Amino acid sequence: VQGQVGDSKYREIRYRGMLHAIMRIGREEGLRALYSGI
């Protein structure tokens, strides 16, 4: 969902890859966020 030019909410490239995404989500949003939508 990131990098969508027409949507300001998701325009920013926040994650460089899978591991970076998992680590950043866990660090910034907490480990429970890794199971958001479970």
Full PDB file with SEQRES, HELIX, SHEET, SSBOND, CRYST1, ORIGX, SCALE, CONECT and MASTER records, all heavy atoms in Angstrom:
SEQRES   1 A   38  VAL GLN GLY GLN VAL GLY ASP SER LYS TYR ARG GLU ILE          
SEQRES   2 A   38  ARG TYR ARG GLY MET LEU HIS ALA ILE MET ARG ILE GLY          
SEQRES   3 A   38  ARG GLU GLU GLY LEU ARG ALA LEU TYR SER GLY ILE              
HELIX    1 AA1 SER A    8  TYR A   10  5                                   3    
HELIX    2 AA2 MET A   18  GLU A   29  1                                  12    
HELIX    3 AA3 LEU A   31  TYR A   35  5                                   5    
CRYST1    1.000    1.000    1.000  90.00  90.00  90.00 P 1           1          
ORIGX1      1.000000  0.000000  0.000000        0.00000                         
ORIGX2      0.000000  1.000000  0.000000        0.00000                         
ORIGX3      0.000000  0.000000  1.000000        0.00000                         
SCALE1      1.000000  0.000000  0.000000        0.00000                         
SCALE2      0.000000  1.000000  0.000000        0.00000                         
SCALE3      0.000000  0.000000  1.000000        0.00000                         
ATOM      1  N   VAL A   1       0.812  -1.217   0.000  1.00  0.00           N  
ATOM      2  CA  VAL A   1       0.000   0.000   0.000  1.00  0.00           C  
ATOM      3  C   VAL A   1       0.847   1.269   0.000  1.00  0.00           C  
ATOM      4  O   VAL A   1       0.340   2.353  -0.310  1.00  0.00           O  
ATOM      5  CB  VAL A   1      -0.969   0.035   1.209  1.00  0.00           C  
ATOM      6  CG1 VAL A   1      -1.945  -1.124   1.153  1.00  0.00           C  
ATOM      7  CG2 VAL A   1      -0.222   0.049   2.533  1.00  0.00           C  
ATOM      8  N   GLN A   2       2.134   1.170   0.315  1.00  0.00           N  
ATOM      9  CA  GLN A   2       2.979   2.366   0.349  1.00  0.00           C  
ATOM     10  C   GLN A   2       3.380   2.783  -1.062  1.00  0.00           C  
ATOM     11  O   GLN A   2       3.356   1.995  -2.001  1.00  0.00           O  
ATOM     12  CB  GLN A   2       4.229   2.124   1.200  1.00  0.00           C  
ATOM     13  CG  GLN A   2       5.229   1.158   0.595  1.00  0.00           C  
ATOM     14  CD  GLN A   2       6.477   1.014   1.448  1.00  0.00           C  
ATOM     15  OE1 GLN A   2       6.635   1.630   2.487  1.00  0.00           O  
ATOM     16  NE2 GLN A   2       7.404   0.177   0.985  1.00  0.00           N  
ATOM     17  N   GLY A   3       3.740   4.067  -1.193  1.00  0.00           N  
ATOM     18  CA  GLY A   3       4.236   4.578  -2.470  1.00  0.00           C  
ATOM     19  C   GLY A   3       3.168   4.921  -3.482  1.00  0.00           C  
ATOM     20  O   GLY A   3       3.471   5.090  -4.669  1.00  0.00           O  
ATOM     21  N   GLN A   4       1.897   5.067  -3.056  1.00  0.00           N  
ATOM     22  CA  GLN A   4       0.834   5.418  -3.986  1.00  0.00           C  
ATOM     23  C   GLN A   4       0.851   6.931  -4.219  1.00  0.00           C  
ATOM     24  O   GLN A   4       0.555   7.713  -3.309  1.00  0.00           O  
ATOM     25  CB  GLN A   4      -0.526   4.978  -3.441  1.00  0.00           C  
ATOM     26  CG  GLN A   4      -0.627   3.465  -3.248  1.00  0.00           C  
ATOM     27  CD  GLN A   4      -1.996   3.048  -2.758  1.00  0.00           C  
ATOM     28  OE1 GLN A   4      -2.986   3.154  -3.481  1.00  0.00           O  
ATOM     29  NE2 GLN A   4      -2.065   2.560  -1.524  1.00  0.00           N  
ATOM     30  N   VAL A   5       1.186   7.324  -5.437  1.00  0.00           N  
ATOM     31  CA  VAL A   5       1.380   8.730  -5.768  1.00  0.00           C  
ATOM     32  C   VAL A   5       0.113   9.543  -5.537  1.00  0.00           C  
ATOM     33  O   VAL A   5       0.160  10.687  -5.070  1.00  0.00           O  
ATOM     34  CB  VAL A   5       1.837   8.878  -7.241  1.00  0.00           C  
ATOM     35  CG1 VAL A   5       1.970  10.350  -7.625  1.00  0.00           C  
ATOM     36  CG2 VAL A   5       3.162   8.140  -7.449  1.00  0.00           C  
ATOM     37  N   GLY A   6      -1.048   8.952  -5.806  1.00  0.00           N  
ATOM     38  CA  GLY A   6      -2.302   9.694  -5.698  1.00  0.00           C  
ATOM     39  C   GLY A   6      -2.921   9.705  -4.313  1.00  0.00           C  
ATOM     40  O   GLY A   6      -3.996  10.277  -4.142  1.00  0.00           O  
ATOM     41  N   ASP A   7      -2.291   9.095  -3.338  1.00  0.00           N  
ATOM     42  CA  ASP A   7      -2.843   9.033  -1.979  1.00  0.00           C  
ATOM     43  C   ASP A   7      -1.782   9.537  -1.008  1.00  0.00           C  
ATOM     44  O   ASP A   7      -0.771   8.869  -0.764  1.00  0.00           O  
ATOM     45  CB  ASP A   7      -3.242   7.596  -1.641  1.00  0.00           C  
ATOM     46  CG  ASP A   7      -4.068   7.499  -0.359  1.00  0.00           C  
ATOM     47  OD1 ASP A   7      -3.931   8.392   0.490  1.00  0.00           O  
ATOM     48  OD2 ASP A   7      -4.831   6.530  -0.215  1.00  0.00           O  
ATOM     49  N   SER A   8      -2.019  10.737  -0.440  1.00  0.00           N  
ATOM     50  CA  SER A   8      -1.014  11.348   0.438  1.00  0.00           C  
ATOM     51  C   SER A   8      -0.745  10.518   1.684  1.00  0.00           C  
ATOM     52  O   SER A   8       0.356  10.560   2.236  1.00  0.00           O  
ATOM     53  CB  SER A   8      -1.490  12.757   0.852  1.00  0.00           C  
ATOM     54  OG  SER A   8      -2.734  12.688   1.527  1.00  0.00           O  
ATOM     55  N   LYS A   9      -1.729   9.767   2.123  1.00  0.00           N  
ATOM     56  CA  LYS A   9      -1.586   8.974   3.338  1.00  0.00           C  
ATOM     57  C   LYS A   9      -0.582   7.848   3.160  1.00  0.00           C  
ATOM     58  O   LYS A   9       0.103   7.446   4.109  1.00  0.00           O  
ATOM     59  CB  LYS A   9      -2.950   8.404   3.756  1.00  0.00           C  
ATOM     60  CG  LYS A   9      -2.949   7.766   5.137  1.00  0.00           C  
ATOM     61  CD  LYS A   9      -4.368   7.418   5.574  1.00  0.00           C  
ATOM     62  CE  LYS A   9      -4.386   6.908   6.995  1.00  0.00           C  
ATOM     63  NZ  LYS A   9      -5.750   6.579   7.449  1.00  0.00           N  
ATOM     64  N   TYR A  10      -0.498   7.317   1.948  1.00  0.00           N  
ATOM     65  CA  TYR A  10       0.382   6.174   1.688  1.00  0.00           C  
ATOM     66  C   TYR A  10       1.489   6.508   0.685  1.00  0.00           C  
ATOM     67  O   TYR A  10       2.097   5.619   0.118  1.00  0.00           O  
ATOM     68  CB  TYR A  10      -0.439   4.978   1.174  1.00  0.00           C  
ATOM     69  CG  TYR A  10      -1.457   4.485   2.180  1.00  0.00           C  
ATOM     70  CD1 TYR A  10      -2.807   4.798   2.030  1.00  0.00           C  
ATOM     71  CD2 TYR A  10      -1.064   3.738   3.281  1.00  0.00           C  
ATOM     72  CE1 TYR A  10      -3.745   4.366   2.958  1.00  0.00           C  
ATOM     73  CE2 TYR A  10      -1.987   3.302   4.216  1.00  0.00           C  
ATOM     74  CZ  TYR A  10      -3.330   3.616   4.049  1.00  0.00           C  
ATOM     75  OH  TYR A  10      -4.248   3.184   4.960  1.00  0.00           O  
ATOM     76  N   ARG A  11       1.730   7.818   0.466  1.00  0.00           N  
ATOM     77  CA  ARG A  11       2.733   8.224  -0.517  1.00  0.00           C  
ATOM     78  C   ARG A  11       4.151   7.926  -0.031  1.00  0.00           C  
ATOM     79  O   ARG A  11       5.022   7.563  -0.800  1.00  0.00           O  
ATOM     80  CB  ARG A  11       2.585   9.716  -0.811  1.00  0.00           C  
ATOM     81  CG  ARG A  11       3.470  10.221  -1.934  1.00  0.00           C  
ATOM     82  CD  ARG A  11       3.150  11.681  -2.210  1.00  0.00           C  
ATOM     83  NE  ARG A  11       1.768  11.829  -2.670  1.00  0.00           N  
ATOM     84  CZ  ARG A  11       1.092  12.972  -2.627  1.00  0.00           C  
ATOM     85  NH1 ARG A  11       1.651  14.057  -2.116  1.00  0.00           N  
ATOM     86  NH2 ARG A  11      -0.149  13.031  -3.070  1.00  0.00           N  
ATOM     87  N   GLU A  12       4.375   8.090   1.271  1.00  0.00           N  
ATOM     88  CA  GLU A  12       5.715   7.904   1.835  1.00  0.00           C  
ATOM     89  C   GLU A  12       6.155   6.439   1.784  1.00  0.00           C  
ATOM     90  O   GLU A  12       5.372   5.534   2.053  1.00  0.00           O  
ATOM     91  CB  GLU A  12       5.736   8.370   3.300  1.00  0.00           C  
ATOM     92  CG  GLU A  12       7.090   8.214   3.977  1.00  0.00           C  
ATOM     93  CD  GLU A  12       7.012   8.493   5.469  1.00  0.00           C  
ATOM     94  OE1 GLU A  12       5.924   8.849   5.957  1.00  0.00           O  
ATOM     95  OE2 GLU A  12       8.053   8.349   6.134  1.00  0.00           O  
ATOM     96  N   ILE A  13       7.428   6.225   1.416  1.00  0.00           N  
ATOM     97  CA  ILE A  13       8.016   4.885   1.446  1.00  0.00           C  
ATOM     98  C   ILE A  13       8.601   4.680   2.840  1.00  0.00           C  
ATOM     99  O   ILE A  13       9.697   5.155   3.154  1.00  0.00           O  
ATOM    100  CB  ILE A  13       9.113   4.721   0.370  1.00  0.00           C  
ATOM    101  CG1 ILE A  13       8.560   5.021  -1.021  1.00  0.00           C  
ATOM    102  CG2 ILE A  13       9.704   3.311   0.431  1.00  0.00           C  
ATOM    103  CD1 ILE A  13       7.505   4.049  -1.497  1.00  0.00           C  
ATOM    104  N   ARG A  14       7.863   4.004   3.686  1.00  0.00           N  
ATOM    105  CA  ARG A  14       8.263   3.828   5.082  1.00  0.00           C  
ATOM    106  C   ARG A  14       9.107   2.575   5.311  1.00  0.00           C  
ATOM    107  O   ARG A  14       9.896   2.510   6.244  1.00  0.00           O  
ATOM    108  CB  ARG A  14       7.015   3.744   5.979  1.00  0.00           C  
ATOM    109  CG  ARG A  14       6.265   5.054   6.115  1.00  0.00           C  
ATOM    110  CD  ARG A  14       4.971   4.876   6.888  1.00  0.00           C  
ATOM    111  NE  ARG A  14       5.168   4.187   8.170  1.00  0.00           N  
ATOM    112  CZ  ARG A  14       5.566   4.787   9.289  1.00  0.00           C  
ATOM    113  NH1 ARG A  14       5.828   6.083   9.284  1.00  0.00           N  
ATOM    114  NH2 ARG A  14       5.699   4.096  10.398  1.00  0.00           N  
ATOM    115  N   TYR A  15       8.939   1.592   4.448  1.00  0.00           N  
ATOM    116  CA  TYR A  15       9.603   0.307   4.680  1.00  0.00           C  
ATOM    117  C   TYR A  15      10.469  -0.076   3.481  1.00  0.00           C  
ATOM    118  O   TYR A  15      10.050   0.018   2.327  1.00  0.00           O  
ATOM    119  CB  TYR A  15       8.557  -0.785   4.942  1.00  0.00           C  
ATOM    120  CG  TYR A  15       7.504  -0.386   5.953  1.00  0.00           C  
ATOM    121  CD1 TYR A  15       6.181  -0.162   5.552  1.00  0.00           C  
ATOM    122  CD2 TYR A  15       7.821  -0.204   7.291  1.00  0.00           C  
ATOM    123  CE1 TYR A  15       5.211   0.222   6.470  1.00  0.00           C  
ATOM    124  CE2 TYR A  15       6.858   0.178   8.220  1.00  0.00           C  
ATOM    125  CZ  TYR A  15       5.561   0.391   7.801  1.00  0.00           C  
ATOM    126  OH  TYR A  15       4.607   0.766   8.704  1.00  0.00           O  
ATOM    127  N   ARG A  16      11.689  -0.512   3.771  1.00  0.00           N  
ATOM    128  CA  ARG A  16      12.638  -0.869   2.715  1.00  0.00           C  
ATOM    129  C   ARG A  16      12.544  -2.331   2.319  1.00  0.00           C  
ATOM    130  O   ARG A  16      13.088  -2.735   1.297  1.00  0.00           O  
ATOM    131  CB  ARG A  16      14.065  -0.553   3.165  1.00  0.00           C  
ATOM    132  CG  ARG A  16      14.332   0.925   3.410  1.00  0.00           C  
ATOM    133  CD  ARG A  16      15.810   1.190   3.573  1.00  0.00           C  
ATOM    134  NE  ARG A  16      16.360   0.495   4.724  1.00  0.00           N  
ATOM    135  CZ  ARG A  16      16.417   0.992   5.957  1.00  0.00           C  
ATOM    136  NH1 ARG A  16      15.930   2.213   6.196  1.00  0.00           N  
ATOM    137  NH2 ARG A  16      16.940   0.305   6.948  1.00  0.00           N  
ATOM    138  N   GLY A  17      11.894  -3.114   3.099  1.00  0.00           N  
ATOM    139  CA  GLY A  17      11.764  -4.533   2.805  1.00  0.00           C  
ATOM    140  C   GLY A  17      10.996  -5.230   3.914  1.00  0.00           C  
ATOM    141  O   GLY A  17      10.550  -4.595   4.876  1.00  0.00           O  
ATOM    142  N   MET A  18      10.864  -6.540   3.783  1.00  0.00           N  
ATOM    143  CA  MET A  18      10.053  -7.290   4.733  1.00  0.00           C  
ATOM    144  C   MET A  18      10.591  -7.218   6.157  1.00  0.00           C  
ATOM    145  O   MET A  18       9.856  -6.892   7.095  1.00  0.00           O  
ATOM    146  CB  MET A  18       9.958  -8.751   4.306  1.00  0.00           C  
ATOM    147  CG  MET A  18       9.051  -9.594   5.200  1.00  0.00           C  
ATOM    148  SD  MET A  18       9.262 -11.349   4.953  1.00  0.00           S  
ATOM    149  CE  MET A  18      10.919 -11.588   5.592  1.00  0.00           C  
ATOM    150  N   LEU A  19      11.874  -7.509   6.325  1.00  0.00           N  
ATOM    151  CA  LEU A  19      12.458  -7.509   7.667  1.00  0.00           C  
ATOM    152  C   LEU A  19      12.414  -6.116   8.294  1.00  0.00           C  
ATOM    153  O   LEU A  19      12.119  -5.965   9.478  1.00  0.00           O  
ATOM    154  CB  LEU A  19      13.891  -8.038   7.628  1.00  0.00           C  
ATOM    155  CG  LEU A  19      14.054  -9.534   7.372  1.00  0.00           C  
ATOM    156  CD1 LEU A  19      15.535  -9.910   7.301  1.00  0.00           C  
ATOM    157  CD2 LEU A  19      13.374 -10.354   8.470  1.00  0.00           C  
ATOM    158  N   HIS A  20      12.721  -5.095   7.472  1.00  0.00           N  
ATOM    159  CA  HIS A  20      12.671  -3.723   7.964  1.00  0.00           C  
ATOM    160  C   HIS A  20      11.251  -3.357   8.383  1.00  0.00           C  
ATOM    161  O   HIS A  20      11.039  -2.697   9.408  1.00  0.00           O  
ATOM    162  CB  HIS A  20      13.169  -2.759   6.880  1.00  0.00           C  
ATOM    163  CG  HIS A  20      13.146  -1.323   7.304  1.00  0.00           C  
ATOM    164  ND1 HIS A  20      12.241  -0.412   6.798  1.00  0.00           N  
ATOM    165  CD2 HIS A  20      13.907  -0.638   8.207  1.00  0.00           C  
ATOM    166  CE1 HIS A  20      12.440   0.773   7.361  1.00  0.00           C  
ATOM    167  NE2 HIS A  20      13.447   0.666   8.206  1.00  0.00           N  
ATOM    168  N   ALA A  21      10.260  -3.801   7.593  1.00  0.00           N  
ATOM    169  CA  ALA A  21       8.865  -3.516   7.926  1.00  0.00           C  
ATOM    170  C   ALA A  21       8.472  -4.167   9.244  1.00  0.00           C  
ATOM    171  O   ALA A  21       7.870  -3.530  10.115  1.00  0.00           O  
ATOM    172  CB  ALA A  21       7.948  -4.006   6.800  1.00  0.00           C  
ATOM    173  N   ILE A  22       8.815  -5.437   9.416  1.00  0.00           N  
ATOM    174  CA  ILE A  22       8.461  -6.160  10.644  1.00  0.00           C  
ATOM    175  C   ILE A  22       9.125  -5.499  11.853  1.00  0.00           C  
ATOM    176  O   ILE A  22       8.491  -5.293  12.896  1.00  0.00           O  
ATOM    177  CB  ILE A  22       8.856  -7.643  10.533  1.00  0.00           C  
ATOM    178  CG1 ILE A  22       7.961  -8.355   9.512  1.00  0.00           C  
ATOM    179  CG2 ILE A  22       8.755  -8.342  11.895  1.00  0.00           C  
ATOM    180  CD1 ILE A  22       8.340  -9.788   9.246  1.00  0.00           C  
ATOM    181  N   MET A  23      10.415  -5.158  11.721  1.00  0.00           N  
ATOM    182  CA  MET A  23      11.147  -4.560  12.837  1.00  0.00           C  
ATOM    183  C   MET A  23      10.597  -3.172  13.179  1.00  0.00           C  
ATOM    184  O   MET A  23      10.427  -2.838  14.352  1.00  0.00           O  
ATOM    185  CB  MET A  23      12.634  -4.485  12.507  1.00  0.00           C  
ATOM    186  CG  MET A  23      13.314  -5.850  12.445  1.00  0.00           C  
ATOM    187  SD  MET A  23      15.051  -5.747  11.980  1.00  0.00           S  
ATOM    188  CE  MET A  23      15.724  -4.860  13.383  1.00  0.00           C  
ATOM    189  N   ARG A  24      10.304  -2.366  12.152  1.00  0.00           N  
ATOM    190  CA  ARG A  24       9.816  -1.010  12.395  1.00  0.00           C  
ATOM    191  C   ARG A  24       8.403  -1.025  12.986  1.00  0.00           C  
ATOM    192  O   ARG A  24       8.095  -0.238  13.898  1.00  0.00           O  
ATOM    193  CB  ARG A  24       9.834  -0.204  11.097  1.00  0.00           C  
ATOM    194  CG  ARG A  24       9.442   1.247  11.306  1.00  0.00           C  
ATOM    195  CD  ARG A  24       9.736   2.109  10.098  1.00  0.00           C  
ATOM    196  NE  ARG A  24       9.376   3.492  10.358  1.00  0.00           N  
ATOM    197  CZ  ARG A  24       9.569   4.498   9.505  1.00  0.00           C  
ATOM    198  NH1 ARG A  24      10.159   4.267   8.331  1.00  0.00           N  
ATOM    199  NH2 ARG A  24       9.202   5.725   9.805  1.00  0.00           N  
ATOM    200  N   ILE A  25       7.558  -1.897  12.479  1.00  0.00           N  
ATOM    201  CA  ILE A  25       6.202  -2.010  13.026  1.00  0.00           C  
ATOM    202  C   ILE A  25       6.255  -2.439  14.487  1.00  0.00           C  
ATOM    203  O   ILE A  25       5.575  -1.876  15.346  1.00  0.00           O  
ATOM    204  CB  ILE A  25       5.364  -3.014  12.203  1.00  0.00           C  
ATOM    205  CG1 ILE A  25       5.116  -2.462  10.796  1.00  0.00           C  
ATOM    206  CG2 ILE A  25       4.029  -3.297  12.896  1.00  0.00           C  
ATOM    207  CD1 ILE A  25       4.582  -3.487   9.813  1.00  0.00           C  
ATOM    208  N   GLY A  26       7.095  -3.437  14.775  1.00  0.00           N  
ATOM    209  CA  GLY A  26       7.230  -3.919  16.150  1.00  0.00           C  
ATOM    210  C   GLY A  26       7.781  -2.859  17.084  1.00  0.00           C  
ATOM    211  O   GLY A  26       7.340  -2.736  18.233  1.00  0.00           O  
ATOM    212  N   ARG A  27       8.737  -2.053  16.585  1.00  0.00           N  
ATOM    213  CA  ARG A  27       9.374  -1.024  17.409  1.00  0.00           C  
ATOM    214  C   ARG A  27       8.450   0.177  17.627  1.00  0.00           C  
ATOM    215  O   ARG A  27       8.342   0.688  18.739  1.00  0.00           O  
ATOM    216  CB  ARG A  27      10.673  -0.571  16.745  1.00  0.00           C  
ATOM    217  CG  ARG A  27      11.479   0.437  17.581  1.00  0.00           C  
ATOM    218  CD  ARG A  27      12.822   0.730  16.947  1.00  0.00           C  
ATOM    219  NE  ARG A  27      12.695   1.367  15.643  1.00  0.00           N  
ATOM    220  CZ  ARG A  27      12.983   0.785  14.487  1.00  0.00           C  
ATOM    221  NH1 ARG A  27      13.423  -0.472  14.480  1.00  0.00           N  
ATOM    222  NH2 ARG A  27      12.839   1.430  13.335  1.00  0.00           N  
ATOM    223  N   GLU A  28       7.771   0.629  16.574  1.00  0.00           N  
ATOM    224  CA  GLU A  28       6.965   1.852  16.653  1.00  0.00           C  
ATOM    225  C   GLU A  28       5.531   1.605  17.120  1.00  0.00           C  
ATOM    226  O   GLU A  28       4.931   2.474  17.759  1.00  0.00           O  
ATOM    227  CB  GLU A  28       6.943   2.547  15.283  1.00  0.00           C  
ATOM    228  CG  GLU A  28       8.311   3.043  14.836  1.00  0.00           C  
ATOM    229  CD  GLU A  28       8.247   3.747  13.492  1.00  0.00           C  
ATOM    230  OE1 GLU A  28       7.134   3.787  12.894  1.00  0.00           O  
ATOM    231  OE2 GLU A  28       9.281   4.253  13.032  1.00  0.00           O  
ATOM    232  N   GLU A  29       4.985   0.447  16.812  1.00  0.00           N  
ATOM    233  CA  GLU A  29       3.574   0.198  17.111  1.00  0.00           C  
ATOM    234  C   GLU A  29       3.363  -0.898  18.145  1.00  0.00           C  
ATOM    235  O   GLU A  29       2.230  -1.125  18.587  1.00  0.00           O  
ATOM    236  CB  GLU A  29       2.830  -0.160  15.818  1.00  0.00           C  
ATOM    237  CG  GLU A  29       2.934   0.907  14.731  1.00  0.00           C  
ATOM    238  CD  GLU A  29       2.302   0.457  13.429  1.00  0.00           C  
ATOM    239  OE1 GLU A  29       1.328  -0.318  13.485  1.00  0.00           O  
ATOM    240  OE2 GLU A  29       2.793   0.862  12.356  1.00  0.00           O  
ATOM    241  N   GLY A  30       4.461  -1.599  18.486  1.00  0.00           N  
ATOM    242  CA  GLY A  30       4.346  -2.675  19.457  1.00  0.00           C  
ATOM    243  C   GLY A  30       4.196  -4.036  18.781  1.00  0.00           C  
ATOM    244  O   GLY A  30       3.770  -4.123  17.621  1.00  0.00           O  
ATOM    245  N   LEU A  31       4.539  -5.081  19.502  1.00  0.00           N  
ATOM    246  CA  LEU A  31       4.503  -6.427  18.939  1.00  0.00           C  
ATOM    247  C   LEU A  31       3.083  -6.862  18.582  1.00  0.00           C  
ATOM    248  O   LEU A  31       2.879  -7.632  17.643  1.00  0.00           O  
ATOM    249  CB  LEU A  31       5.124  -7.427  19.929  1.00  0.00           C  
ATOM    250  CG  LEU A  31       6.627  -7.254  20.184  1.00  0.00           C  
ATOM    251  CD1 LEU A  31       7.111  -8.258  21.220  1.00  0.00           C  
ATOM    252  CD2 LEU A  31       7.424  -7.410  18.886  1.00  0.00           C  
ATOM    253  N   ARG A  32       2.104  -6.362  19.333  1.00  0.00           N  
ATOM    254  CA  ARG A  32       0.720  -6.731  19.046  1.00  0.00           C  
ATOM    255  C   ARG A  32       0.285  -6.249  17.663  1.00  0.00           C  
ATOM    256  O   ARG A  32      -0.601  -6.854  17.038  1.00  0.00           O  
ATOM    257  CB  ARG A  32      -0.219  -6.147  20.108  1.00  0.00           C  
ATOM    258  CG  ARG A  32      -0.121  -6.814  21.469  1.00  0.00           C  
ATOM    259  CD  ARG A  32      -1.168  -6.273  22.426  1.00  0.00           C  
ATOM    260  NE  ARG A  32      -2.517  -6.507  21.958  1.00  0.00           N  
ATOM    261  CZ  ARG A  32      -3.603  -6.063  22.571  1.00  0.00           C  
ATOM    262  NH1 ARG A  32      -3.490  -5.336  23.693  1.00  0.00           N  
ATOM    263  NH2 ARG A  32      -4.803  -6.330  22.096  1.00  0.00           N  
ATOM    264  N   ALA A  33       0.915  -5.163  17.177  1.00  0.00           N  
ATOM    265  CA  ALA A  33       0.559  -4.627  15.861  1.00  0.00           C  
ATOM    266  C   ALA A  33       0.905  -5.609  14.744  1.00  0.00           C  
ATOM    267  O   ALA A  33       0.317  -5.549  13.660  1.00  0.00           O  
ATOM    268  CB  ALA A  33       1.271  -3.296  15.616  1.00  0.00           C  
ATOM    269  N   LEU A  34       1.869  -6.496  14.998  1.00  0.00           N  
ATOM    270  CA  LEU A  34       2.237  -7.497  13.991  1.00  0.00           C  
ATOM    271  C   LEU A  34       1.110  -8.496  13.756  1.00  0.00           C  
ATOM    272  O   LEU A  34       1.142  -9.259  12.792  1.00  0.00           O  
ATOM    273  CB  LEU A  34       3.510  -8.245  14.426  1.00  0.00           C  
ATOM    274  CG  LEU A  34       4.790  -7.402  14.457  1.00  0.00           C  
ATOM    275  CD1 LEU A  34       5.936  -8.199  15.067  1.00  0.00           C  
ATOM    276  CD2 LEU A  34       5.160  -6.946  13.042  1.00  0.00           C  
ATOM    277  N   TYR A  35       0.136  -8.495  14.668  1.00  0.00           N  
ATOM    278  CA  TYR A  35      -1.026  -9.371  14.506  1.00  0.00           C  
ATOM    279  C   TYR A  35      -2.305  -8.547  14.350  1.00  0.00           C  
ATOM    280  O   TYR A  35      -3.393  -9.040  14.645  1.00  0.00           O  
ATOM    281  CB  TYR A  35      -1.126 -10.345  15.680  1.00  0.00           C  
ATOM    282  CG  TYR A  35      -0.206 -11.540  15.510  1.00  0.00           C  
ATOM    283  CD1 TYR A  35       1.122 -11.476  15.911  1.00  0.00           C  
ATOM    284  CD2 TYR A  35      -0.657 -12.704  14.897  1.00  0.00           C  
ATOM    285  CE1 TYR A  35       1.970 -12.563  15.725  1.00  0.00           C  
ATOM    286  CE2 TYR A  35       0.178 -13.792  14.709  1.00  0.00           C  
ATOM    287  CZ  TYR A  35       1.485 -13.717  15.128  1.00  0.00           C  
ATOM    288  OH  TYR A  35       2.328 -14.788  14.924  1.00  0.00           O  
ATOM    289  N   SER A  36      -2.168  -7.306  13.832  1.00  0.00           N  
ATOM    290  CA  SER A  36      -3.342  -6.497  13.527  1.00  0.00           C  
ATOM    291  C   SER A  36      -4.140  -7.177  12.417  1.00  0.00           C  
ATOM    292  O   SER A  36      -3.607  -7.427  11.340  1.00  0.00           O  
ATOM    293  CB  SER A  36      -2.931  -5.095  13.062  1.00  0.00           C  
ATOM    294  OG  SER A  36      -2.288  -4.393  14.093  1.00  0.00           O  
ATOM    295  N   GLY A  37      -5.378  -7.467  12.695  1.00  0.00           N  
ATOM    296  CA  GLY A  37      -6.214  -8.135  11.695  1.00  0.00           C  
ATOM    297  C   GLY A  37      -6.203  -9.647  11.788  1.00  0.00           C  
ATOM    298  O   GLY A  37      -6.725 -10.319  10.895  1.00  0.00           O  
ATOM    299  N   ILE A  38      -5.630 -10.214  12.861  1.00  0.00           N  
ATOM    300  CA  ILE A  38      -5.546 -11.675  12.971  1.00  0.00           C  
ATOM    301  C   ILE A  38      -6.931 -12.299  13.138  1.00  0.00           C  
ATOM    302  O   ILE A  38      -7.187 -13.400  12.637  1.00  0.00           O  
ATOM    303  CB  ILE A  38      -4.620 -12.095  14.137  1.00  0.00           C  
ATOM    304  CG1 ILE A  38      -4.423 -13.619  14.157  1.00  0.00           C  
ATOM    305  CG2 ILE A  38      -5.146 -11.594  15.462  1.00  0.00           C  
ATOM    306  CD1 ILE A  38      -3.747 -14.197  12.956  1.00  0.00           C  
TER     307      ILE A  38                                                      
MASTER        0    0    0    3    0    0    0    6  306    1    0    3          
END                                                                             
